[in-house]
């Protein structure tokens, strides 16, 4: 089980394709992981739900993947293959 106390971040990206590829590779290797997606507009001065002029769509979400600390090196290897 992955908890806040034993996890390590192995991927932080704003590109959904990179995030999806990493998840598929980890799943294929049988690695246990935790994935998070953060909306970058939520809680930013009430902007959520409104159009934001000039903000690139690529930067609206932040994707993070965590694994157990002892599995981090193997997981990075799997993602980079």
C-alpha atoms as a PDB file:
ATOM      1  CA  UNK A   1       0.000   0.000   0.000  1.00  0.00           C
ATOM      2  CA  UNK A   2       1.288   3.442  -0.913  1.00  0.00           C
ATOM      3  CA  UNK A   3       0.982   6.102   1.786  1.00  0.00           C
ATOM      4  CA  UNK A   4       2.179   9.673   2.192  1.00  0.00           C
ATOM      5  CA  UNK A   5       4.988   8.359   4.393  1.00  0.00           C
ATOM      6  CA  UNK A   6       6.428   5.751   2.015  1.00  0.00           C
ATOM      7  CA  UNK A   7       5.856   7.257  -1.422  1.00  0.00           C
ATOM      8  CA  UNK A   8       8.135   9.019  -3.854  1.00  0.00           C
ATOM      9  CA  UNK A   9       7.195  11.148  -6.837  1.00  0.00           C
ATOM     10  CA  UNK A  10       8.580   9.704 -10.068  1.00  0.00           C
ATOM     11  CA  UNK A  11       6.772  11.845 -12.621  1.00  0.00           C
ATOM     12  CA  UNK A  12       5.455  15.403 -12.643  1.00  0.00           C
ATOM     13  CA  UNK A  13       4.185  16.636 -15.997  1.00  0.00           C
ATOM     14  CA  UNK A  14       1.601  18.833 -17.643  1.00  0.00           C
ATOM     15  CA  UNK A  15       1.407  16.680 -20.769  1.00  0.00           C
ATOM     16  CA  UNK A  16      -1.409  14.160 -20.641  1.00  0.00           C
ATOM     17  CA  UNK A  17       0.158  11.900 -23.277  1.00  0.00           C
ATOM     18  CA  UNK A  18       3.339  11.541 -21.205  1.00  0.00           C
ATOM     19  CA  UNK A  19       1.230  10.820 -18.118  1.00  0.00           C
ATOM     20  CA  UNK A  20      -0.877   8.199 -19.926  1.00  0.00           C
ATOM     21  CA  UNK A  21       2.202   6.505 -21.417  1.00  0.00           C
ATOM     22  CA  UNK A  22       3.866   6.286 -17.996  1.00  0.00           C
ATOM     23  CA  UNK A  23       0.731   4.798 -16.412  1.00  0.00           C
ATOM     24  CA  UNK A  24       0.448   2.181 -19.173  1.00  0.00           C
ATOM     25  CA  UNK A  25       4.103   1.189 -18.802  1.00  0.00           C
ATOM     26  CA  UNK A  26       3.802   0.869 -15.020  1.00  0.00           C
ATOM     27  CA  UNK A  27       0.596  -1.127 -15.347  1.00  0.00           C
ATOM     28  CA  UNK A  28       2.243  -3.421 -17.920  1.00  0.00           C
ATOM     29  CA  UNK A  29       5.196  -4.013 -15.581  1.00  0.00           C
ATOM     30  CA  UNK A  30       2.848  -4.837 -12.689  1.00  0.00           C
ATOM     31  CA  UNK A  31       4.055  -1.880 -10.611  1.00  0.00           C
ATOM     32  CA  UNK A  32       1.863  -0.449  -7.886  1.00  0.00           C
ATOM     33  CA  UNK A  33       1.439   3.309  -8.279  1.00  0.00           C
ATOM     34  CA  UNK A  34      -0.737   6.251  -7.263  1.00  0.00           C
ATOM     35  CA  UNK A  35      -1.741   8.892  -9.793  1.00  0.00           C
ATOM     36  CA  UNK A  36      -3.028  12.391  -9.154  1.00  0.00           C
ATOM     37  CA  UNK A  37      -4.371  15.101 -11.425  1.00  0.00           C
ATOM     38  CA  UNK A  38      -4.550  18.670 -10.162  1.00  0.00           C
ATOM     39  CA  UNK A  39      -6.649  21.415 -11.777  1.00  0.00           C
ATOM     40  CA  UNK A  40      -4.428  24.489 -11.769  1.00  0.00           C
ATOM     41  CA  UNK A  41      -7.366  26.932 -11.877  1.00  0.00           C
ATOM     42  CA  UNK A  42      -9.198  25.540  -8.874  1.00  0.00           C
ATOM     43  CA  UNK A  43      -8.876  27.836  -5.905  1.00  0.00           C
ATOM     44  CA  UNK A  44      -7.057  30.557  -7.805  1.00  0.00           C
ATOM     45  CA  UNK A  45      -9.001  33.635  -6.778  1.00  0.00           C
ATOM     46  CA  UNK A  46     -12.366  32.385  -7.926  1.00  0.00           C
ATOM     47  CA  UNK A  47     -11.292  31.795 -11.540  1.00  0.00           C
ATOM     48  CA  UNK A  48     -12.596  28.245 -11.597  1.00  0.00           C
ATOM     49  CA  UNK A  49     -15.425  27.840 -14.040  1.00  0.00           C
ATOM     50  CA  UNK A  50     -14.592  31.043 -15.939  1.00  0.00           C
ATOM     51  CA  UNK A  51     -12.722  31.527 -19.159  1.00  0.00           C
ATOM     52  CA  UNK A  52      -9.154  32.696 -18.669  1.00  0.00           C
ATOM     53  CA  UNK A  53      -7.844  34.712 -21.578  1.00  0.00           C
ATOM     54  CA  UNK A  54      -4.238  34.065 -22.558  1.00  0.00           C
ATOM     55  CA  UNK A  55      -3.778  30.837 -20.563  1.00  0.00           C
ATOM     56  CA  UNK A  56      -2.536  27.928 -22.652  1.00  0.00           C
ATOM     57  CA  UNK A  57      -4.735  24.847 -22.404  1.00  0.00           C
ATOM     58  CA  UNK A  58      -1.578  22.734 -21.934  1.00  0.00           C
ATOM     59  CA  UNK A  59      -1.027  24.243 -18.498  1.00  0.00           C
ATOM     60  CA  UNK A  60      -4.475  23.737 -16.976  1.00  0.00           C
ATOM     61  CA  UNK A  61      -3.658  20.390 -15.355  1.00  0.00           C
ATOM     62  CA  UNK A  62      -0.701  18.938 -13.507  1.00  0.00           C
ATOM     63  CA  UNK A  63      -0.232  15.153 -13.470  1.00  0.00           C
ATOM     64  CA  UNK A  64       1.769  13.341 -10.779  1.00  0.00           C
ATOM     65  CA  UNK A  65       2.661   9.671 -10.337  1.00  0.00           C
ATOM     66  CA  UNK A  66       3.874   8.228  -7.023  1.00  0.00           C
ATOM     67  CA  UNK A  67       5.317   4.812  -6.197  1.00  0.00           C
ATOM     68  CA  UNK A  68       6.641   3.215  -3.028  1.00  0.00           C
ATOM     69  CA  UNK A  69      10.032   4.664  -2.178  1.00  0.00           C
ATOM     70  CA  UNK A  70      11.761   1.280  -2.492  1.00  0.00           C
ATOM     71  CA  UNK A  71      10.269   0.787  -6.003  1.00  0.00           C
ATOM     72  CA  UNK A  72      11.183   4.238  -7.350  1.00  0.00           C
ATOM     73  CA  UNK A  73      14.368   3.291  -9.206  1.00  0.00           C
ATOM     74  CA  UNK A  74      12.699   0.353 -10.975  1.00  0.00           C
ATOM     75  CA  UNK A  75       9.638   2.461 -11.840  1.00  0.00           C
ATOM     76  CA  UNK A  76      11.810   5.206 -13.389  1.00  0.00           C
ATOM     77  CA  UNK A  77      13.562   2.555 -15.470  1.00  0.00           C
ATOM     78  CA  UNK A  78      10.223   1.143 -16.662  1.00  0.00           C
ATOM     79  CA  UNK A  79       8.960   4.591 -17.659  1.00  0.00           C
ATOM     80  CA  UNK A  80      12.123   5.487 -19.581  1.00  0.00           C
ATOM     81  CA  UNK A  81      12.201   2.304 -21.692  1.00  0.00           C
END
